[in-house]
Amino acid sequence: ENQGQDFSLSFILNDLRHRAMKPYTDALADKIQDNLVSSVKVVDRRVQRGPFYVLFYPSIPSVLIEIGFITNRSEQQLLASAEYQSKIARAIGDAIIAFGRDTDAWRLASTGSQ
C-alpha cells in the first residue's frame, strides 16, 4: 500500500518544516487574498491549498497567487494592462509588508487558531 511513497529522511524533514510553516503560510495567503479582493476588486476565489513542490519545500511561508486566467478574454485584457499589473503588485507587496508588521497575524499563525 505504500508503494511509491517517499519516506526518506529528506522527505520527512521537509514534511516537518512544511507543517511548522503552515500556520504562517495560511495567515500570509489570507492576508494577500483579502488585500487583493478589497483593494483591486479581484474575484474572491478563496484561498486554495495544494501539494505543489514550490509550496512544500521552502522553509519560509510560501504562496502561489493566481491573478486571473488568460483564457478569459476580459481577464486577459486586464492582465495585459500595465496599470492593472501595478495595482496587483502593490496589493501583494502591501499585504506582505502588513503581514510582516502584524503581530496579531504572527500570533495567530504561531498558535494555529483563527
N, C-alpha and C. Protein backbone atom coordinates (compact mmCIF):
# COMPACT_ATOMS: atom_id res chain seq x y z
N GLU A 1 0.80 -1.20 0.00
CA GLU A 1 0.00 0.00 0.00
C GLU A 1 0.85 1.26 0.00
N ASN A 2 2.09 1.18 0.44
CA ASN A 2 2.96 2.35 0.47
C ASN A 2 3.85 2.45 -0.75
N GLN A 3 3.55 1.67 -1.76
CA GLN A 3 4.37 1.70 -2.97
C GLN A 3 4.37 3.10 -3.55
N GLY A 4 5.54 3.58 -3.89
CA GLY A 4 5.64 4.92 -4.46
C GLY A 4 5.73 6.01 -3.42
N GLN A 5 5.56 5.68 -2.15
CA GLN A 5 5.66 6.67 -1.08
C GLN A 5 7.12 6.97 -0.80
N ASP A 6 7.42 8.21 -0.54
CA ASP A 6 8.78 8.63 -0.21
C ASP A 6 8.87 8.81 1.30
N PHE A 7 9.57 7.93 1.95
CA PHE A 7 9.76 8.03 3.39
C PHE A 7 11.23 8.29 3.73
N SER A 8 11.94 8.94 2.83
CA SER A 8 13.34 9.26 3.06
C SER A 8 13.45 10.30 4.17
N LEU A 9 14.61 10.40 4.74
CA LEU A 9 14.86 11.40 5.78
C LEU A 9 14.60 12.80 5.24
N SER A 10 15.02 13.06 4.01
CA SER A 10 14.80 14.36 3.39
C SER A 10 13.32 14.69 3.31
N PHE A 11 12.51 13.73 2.89
CA PHE A 11 11.07 13.96 2.78
C PHE A 11 10.47 14.23 4.16
N ILE A 12 10.87 13.45 5.13
CA ILE A 12 10.32 13.60 6.49
C ILE A 12 10.69 14.97 7.06
N LEU A 13 11.94 15.38 6.89
CA LEU A 13 12.36 16.69 7.39
C LEU A 13 11.61 17.82 6.68
N ASN A 14 11.42 17.69 5.37
CA ASN A 14 10.66 18.70 4.64
C ASN A 14 9.20 18.73 5.08
N ASP A 15 8.64 17.56 5.36
CA ASP A 15 7.27 17.49 5.84
C ASP A 15 7.14 18.20 7.19
N LEU A 16 8.08 17.98 8.08
CA LEU A 16 8.06 18.66 9.38
C LEU A 16 8.19 20.17 9.22
N ARG A 17 9.08 20.59 8.34
CA ARG A 17 9.26 22.02 8.07
C ARG A 17 7.99 22.62 7.48
N HIS A 18 7.38 21.90 6.55
CA HIS A 18 6.15 22.36 5.93
C HIS A 18 5.04 22.52 6.97
N ARG A 19 4.92 21.55 7.85
CA ARG A 19 3.88 21.61 8.90
C ARG A 19 4.14 22.77 9.86
N ALA A 20 5.40 23.04 10.15
CA ALA A 20 5.73 24.15 11.03
C ALA A 20 5.40 25.49 10.37
N MET A 21 5.55 25.59 9.07
CA MET A 21 5.30 26.84 8.34
C MET A 21 3.84 27.02 7.98
N LYS A 22 3.04 25.96 8.02
CA LYS A 22 1.65 26.01 7.55
C LYS A 22 0.83 27.15 8.17
N PRO A 23 0.87 27.34 9.49
CA PRO A 23 0.07 28.45 10.04
C PRO A 23 0.50 29.81 9.50
N TYR A 24 1.81 30.00 9.32
CA TYR A 24 2.31 31.26 8.78
C TYR A 24 1.91 31.42 7.31
N THR A 25 2.04 30.34 6.56
CA THR A 25 1.65 30.36 5.15
C THR A 25 0.17 30.66 5.01
N ASP A 26 -0.66 30.02 5.84
CA ASP A 26 -2.10 30.25 5.79
C ASP A 26 -2.44 31.70 6.10
N ALA A 27 -1.80 32.25 7.13
CA ALA A 27 -2.07 33.64 7.51
C ALA A 27 -1.62 34.60 6.40
N LEU A 28 -0.46 34.33 5.80
CA LEU A 28 0.03 35.16 4.71
C LEU A 28 -0.91 35.08 3.50
N ALA A 29 -1.31 33.87 3.14
CA ALA A 29 -2.21 33.69 1.99
C ALA A 29 -3.53 34.43 2.23
N ASP A 30 -4.07 34.33 3.44
CA ASP A 30 -5.32 35.03 3.75
C ASP A 30 -5.15 36.55 3.64
N LYS A 31 -4.03 37.06 4.13
CA LYS A 31 -3.79 38.50 4.08
C LYS A 31 -3.66 38.98 2.63
N ILE A 32 -2.95 38.23 1.81
CA ILE A 32 -2.81 38.60 0.40
C ILE A 32 -4.16 38.56 -0.30
N GLN A 33 -4.90 37.48 -0.08
CA GLN A 33 -6.22 37.35 -0.73
C GLN A 33 -7.15 38.48 -0.30
N ASP A 34 -7.21 38.76 1.00
CA ASP A 34 -8.08 39.83 1.48
C ASP A 34 -7.69 41.17 0.87
N ASN A 35 -6.39 41.43 0.76
CA ASN A 35 -5.93 42.70 0.20
C ASN A 35 -6.25 42.81 -1.29
N LEU A 36 -6.07 41.71 -2.03
CA LEU A 36 -6.39 41.73 -3.45
C LEU A 36 -7.88 41.98 -3.68
N VAL A 37 -8.71 41.31 -2.88
CA VAL A 37 -10.16 41.47 -3.04
C VAL A 37 -10.60 42.88 -2.67
N SER A 38 -10.07 43.41 -1.57
CA SER A 38 -10.52 44.73 -1.11
C SER A 38 -9.94 45.88 -1.92
N SER A 39 -8.68 45.79 -2.32
CA SER A 39 -8.09 46.94 -2.99
C SER A 39 -8.13 46.89 -4.51
N VAL A 40 -8.06 45.69 -5.09
CA VAL A 40 -8.05 45.58 -6.55
C VAL A 40 -9.41 45.11 -7.07
N LYS A 41 -10.22 44.59 -6.17
CA LYS A 41 -11.56 44.08 -6.52
C LYS A 41 -11.49 42.84 -7.42
N VAL A 42 -10.46 41.99 -7.21
CA VAL A 42 -10.42 40.73 -7.95
C VAL A 42 -11.53 39.83 -7.45
N VAL A 43 -11.93 38.86 -8.26
CA VAL A 43 -12.95 37.89 -7.85
C VAL A 43 -12.39 37.07 -6.69
N ASP A 44 -13.16 36.95 -5.63
CA ASP A 44 -12.71 36.18 -4.47
C ASP A 44 -12.93 34.70 -4.72
N ARG A 45 -11.88 34.04 -5.13
CA ARG A 45 -11.94 32.59 -5.38
C ARG A 45 -11.45 31.81 -4.17
N ARG A 46 -11.31 32.51 -3.05
CA ARG A 46 -10.85 31.94 -1.78
C ARG A 46 -9.45 31.35 -1.89
N VAL A 47 -8.84 31.22 -0.75
CA VAL A 47 -7.50 30.61 -0.69
C VAL A 47 -7.66 29.11 -0.86
N GLN A 48 -6.90 28.57 -1.77
CA GLN A 48 -6.90 27.13 -2.02
C GLN A 48 -5.54 26.57 -1.61
N ARG A 49 -5.53 25.31 -1.28
CA ARG A 49 -4.27 24.66 -0.91
C ARG A 49 -4.03 23.48 -1.83
N GLY A 50 -2.77 23.18 -2.07
CA GLY A 50 -2.45 22.05 -2.93
C GLY A 50 -1.04 21.56 -2.67
N PRO A 51 -0.77 20.34 -3.07
CA PRO A 51 0.55 19.75 -2.82
C PRO A 51 1.56 20.10 -3.92
N PHE A 52 1.88 21.38 -4.03
CA PHE A 52 2.80 21.82 -5.06
C PHE A 52 4.22 21.83 -4.53
N TYR A 53 5.14 21.40 -5.34
CA TYR A 53 6.55 21.32 -4.96
C TYR A 53 7.06 22.66 -4.42
N VAL A 54 6.72 23.75 -5.10
CA VAL A 54 7.22 25.06 -4.70
C VAL A 54 6.64 25.53 -3.37
N LEU A 55 5.56 24.91 -2.92
CA LEU A 55 4.98 25.25 -1.62
C LEU A 55 5.44 24.30 -0.52
N PHE A 56 5.87 23.13 -0.89
CA PHE A 56 6.20 22.10 0.09
C PHE A 56 7.61 22.22 0.63
N TYR A 57 8.55 22.63 -0.18
CA TYR A 57 9.95 22.58 0.22
C TYR A 57 10.55 23.84 0.85
N PRO A 58 10.01 25.03 0.63
CA PRO A 58 10.63 26.20 1.26
C PRO A 58 10.52 26.17 2.78
N SER A 59 11.48 26.77 3.44
CA SER A 59 11.46 26.83 4.90
C SER A 59 10.95 28.18 5.39
N ILE A 60 10.20 28.85 4.53
CA ILE A 60 9.57 30.13 4.84
C ILE A 60 8.12 30.05 4.36
N PRO A 61 7.26 30.93 4.87
CA PRO A 61 5.89 30.95 4.33
C PRO A 61 5.93 31.16 2.83
N SER A 62 5.16 30.36 2.08
CA SER A 62 5.18 30.47 0.62
C SER A 62 3.78 30.29 0.06
N VAL A 63 3.48 31.10 -0.94
CA VAL A 63 2.16 31.06 -1.57
C VAL A 63 2.32 31.16 -3.08
N LEU A 64 1.36 30.61 -3.79
CA LEU A 64 1.22 30.83 -5.23
C LEU A 64 0.00 31.71 -5.40
N ILE A 65 0.10 32.68 -6.29
CA ILE A 65 -1.01 33.62 -6.47
C ILE A 65 -1.48 33.55 -7.91
N GLU A 66 -2.74 33.18 -8.09
CA GLU A 66 -3.36 33.21 -9.42
C GLU A 66 -4.17 34.49 -9.50
N ILE A 67 -3.78 35.33 -10.41
CA ILE A 67 -4.41 36.65 -10.54
C ILE A 67 -5.61 36.61 -11.48
N GLY A 68 -5.55 35.76 -12.47
CA GLY A 68 -6.62 35.67 -13.45
C GLY A 68 -6.30 34.58 -14.44
N PHE A 69 -7.13 34.49 -15.44
CA PHE A 69 -6.98 33.45 -16.45
C PHE A 69 -6.85 34.08 -17.83
N ILE A 70 -5.77 33.75 -18.52
CA ILE A 70 -5.59 34.34 -19.85
C ILE A 70 -6.57 33.76 -20.86
N THR A 71 -7.24 32.67 -20.51
CA THR A 71 -8.27 32.11 -21.40
C THR A 71 -9.59 32.87 -21.29
N ASN A 72 -9.71 33.71 -20.28
CA ASN A 72 -10.88 34.57 -20.12
C ASN A 72 -10.55 35.92 -20.76
N ARG A 73 -11.28 36.26 -21.80
CA ARG A 73 -10.93 37.44 -22.60
C ARG A 73 -10.88 38.73 -21.77
N SER A 74 -11.82 38.94 -20.87
CA SER A 74 -11.79 40.19 -20.09
C SER A 74 -10.64 40.19 -19.09
N GLU A 75 -10.36 39.03 -18.48
CA GLU A 75 -9.21 38.94 -17.57
C GLU A 75 -7.90 39.07 -18.35
N GLN A 76 -7.88 38.55 -19.56
CA GLN A 76 -6.68 38.65 -20.39
C GLN A 76 -6.36 40.12 -20.66
N GLN A 77 -7.37 40.92 -20.96
CA GLN A 77 -7.15 42.34 -21.22
C GLN A 77 -6.64 43.06 -19.97
N LEU A 78 -7.23 42.71 -18.82
CA LEU A 78 -6.75 43.31 -17.58
C LEU A 78 -5.30 42.94 -17.31
N LEU A 79 -4.99 41.66 -17.47
CA LEU A 79 -3.64 41.18 -17.19
C LEU A 79 -2.60 41.82 -18.11
N ALA A 80 -3.00 42.22 -19.28
CA ALA A 80 -2.08 42.85 -20.23
C ALA A 80 -1.86 44.33 -19.92
N SER A 81 -2.68 44.88 -19.04
CA SER A 81 -2.60 46.31 -18.72
C SER A 81 -1.52 46.57 -17.67
N ALA A 82 -0.62 47.49 -17.98
CA ALA A 82 0.43 47.86 -17.03
C ALA A 82 -0.16 48.45 -15.76
N GLU A 83 -1.24 49.20 -15.89
CA GLU A 83 -1.89 49.80 -14.72
C GLU A 83 -2.43 48.70 -13.79
N TYR A 84 -3.08 47.69 -14.37
CA TYR A 84 -3.62 46.59 -13.56
C TYR A 84 -2.49 45.79 -12.92
N GLN A 85 -1.43 45.54 -13.68
CA GLN A 85 -0.28 44.83 -13.14
C GLN A 85 0.31 45.57 -11.94
N SER A 86 0.37 46.88 -12.05
CA SER A 86 0.89 47.70 -10.96
C SER A 86 0.00 47.62 -9.73
N LYS A 87 -1.32 47.66 -9.93
CA LYS A 87 -2.26 47.55 -8.81
C LYS A 87 -2.11 46.21 -8.11
N ILE A 88 -1.99 45.15 -8.90
CA ILE A 88 -1.82 43.80 -8.34
C ILE A 88 -0.52 43.72 -7.55
N ALA A 89 0.56 44.20 -8.13
CA ALA A 89 1.86 44.15 -7.47
C ALA A 89 1.84 44.94 -6.16
N ARG A 90 1.23 46.10 -6.20
CA ARG A 90 1.14 46.93 -4.99
C ARG A 90 0.31 46.23 -3.91
N ALA A 91 -0.80 45.63 -4.30
CA ALA A 91 -1.67 44.95 -3.33
C ALA A 91 -0.93 43.77 -2.68
N ILE A 92 -0.21 43.02 -3.49
CA ILE A 92 0.55 41.88 -2.96
C ILE A 92 1.67 42.38 -2.04
N GLY A 93 2.41 43.37 -2.51
CA GLY A 93 3.50 43.93 -1.70
C GLY A 93 3.01 44.50 -0.39
N ASP A 94 1.92 45.27 -0.45
CA ASP A 94 1.36 45.85 0.78
C ASP A 94 0.92 44.76 1.76
N ALA A 95 0.35 43.68 1.24
CA ALA A 95 -0.10 42.58 2.10
C ALA A 95 1.09 41.89 2.77
N ILE A 96 2.16 41.71 2.02
CA ILE A 96 3.35 41.07 2.58
C ILE A 96 3.96 41.95 3.67
N ILE A 97 4.05 43.24 3.41
CA ILE A 97 4.59 44.17 4.41
C ILE A 97 3.70 44.19 5.65
N ALA A 98 2.38 44.26 5.44
CA ALA A 98 1.46 44.26 6.57
C ALA A 98 1.56 42.97 7.37
N PHE A 99 1.69 41.86 6.68
CA PHE A 99 1.84 40.58 7.38
C PHE A 99 3.10 40.58 8.24
N GLY A 100 4.17 41.10 7.71
CA GLY A 100 5.41 41.15 8.47
C GLY A 100 5.34 42.04 9.69
N ARG A 101 4.51 43.06 9.61
CA ARG A 101 4.37 44.01 10.73
C ARG A 101 3.25 43.64 11.69
N ASP A 102 2.36 42.78 11.26
CA ASP A 102 1.16 42.48 12.02
C ASP A 102 1.44 41.42 13.09
N THR A 103 1.59 41.88 14.32
CA THR A 103 1.88 40.92 15.39
C THR A 103 0.72 39.97 15.63
N ASP A 104 -0.50 40.41 15.37
CA ASP A 104 -1.65 39.51 15.53
C ASP A 104 -1.57 38.36 14.54
N ALA A 105 -1.17 38.65 13.30
CA ALA A 105 -1.05 37.58 12.30
C ALA A 105 0.00 36.57 12.73
N TRP A 106 1.14 37.05 13.23
CA TRP A 106 2.18 36.14 13.68
C TRP A 106 1.72 35.33 14.89
N ARG A 107 0.98 35.98 15.81
CA ARG A 107 0.49 35.27 16.98
C ARG A 107 -0.52 34.21 16.56
N LEU A 108 -1.44 34.56 15.68
CA LEU A 108 -2.42 33.59 15.18
C LEU A 108 -1.73 32.46 14.44
N ALA A 109 -0.75 32.81 13.64
CA ALA A 109 -0.05 31.78 12.88
C ALA A 109 0.70 30.84 13.82
N SER A 110 1.30 31.37 14.86
CA SER A 110 2.09 30.51 15.74
C SER A 110 1.22 29.63 16.63
N THR A 111 -0.03 30.06 16.90
CA THR A 111 -0.91 29.22 17.70
C THR A 111 -1.77 28.32 16.84
N GLY A 112 -1.89 28.63 15.56
CA GLY A 112 -2.69 27.83 14.67
C GLY A 112 -4.18 28.06 14.79
N SER A 113 -4.58 29.11 15.53
CA SER A 113 -6.01 29.40 15.69
C SER A 113 -6.39 30.60 14.86
N GLN A 114 -7.65 30.63 14.42
CA GLN A 114 -8.12 31.74 13.59
C GLN A 114 -9.44 32.23 14.09
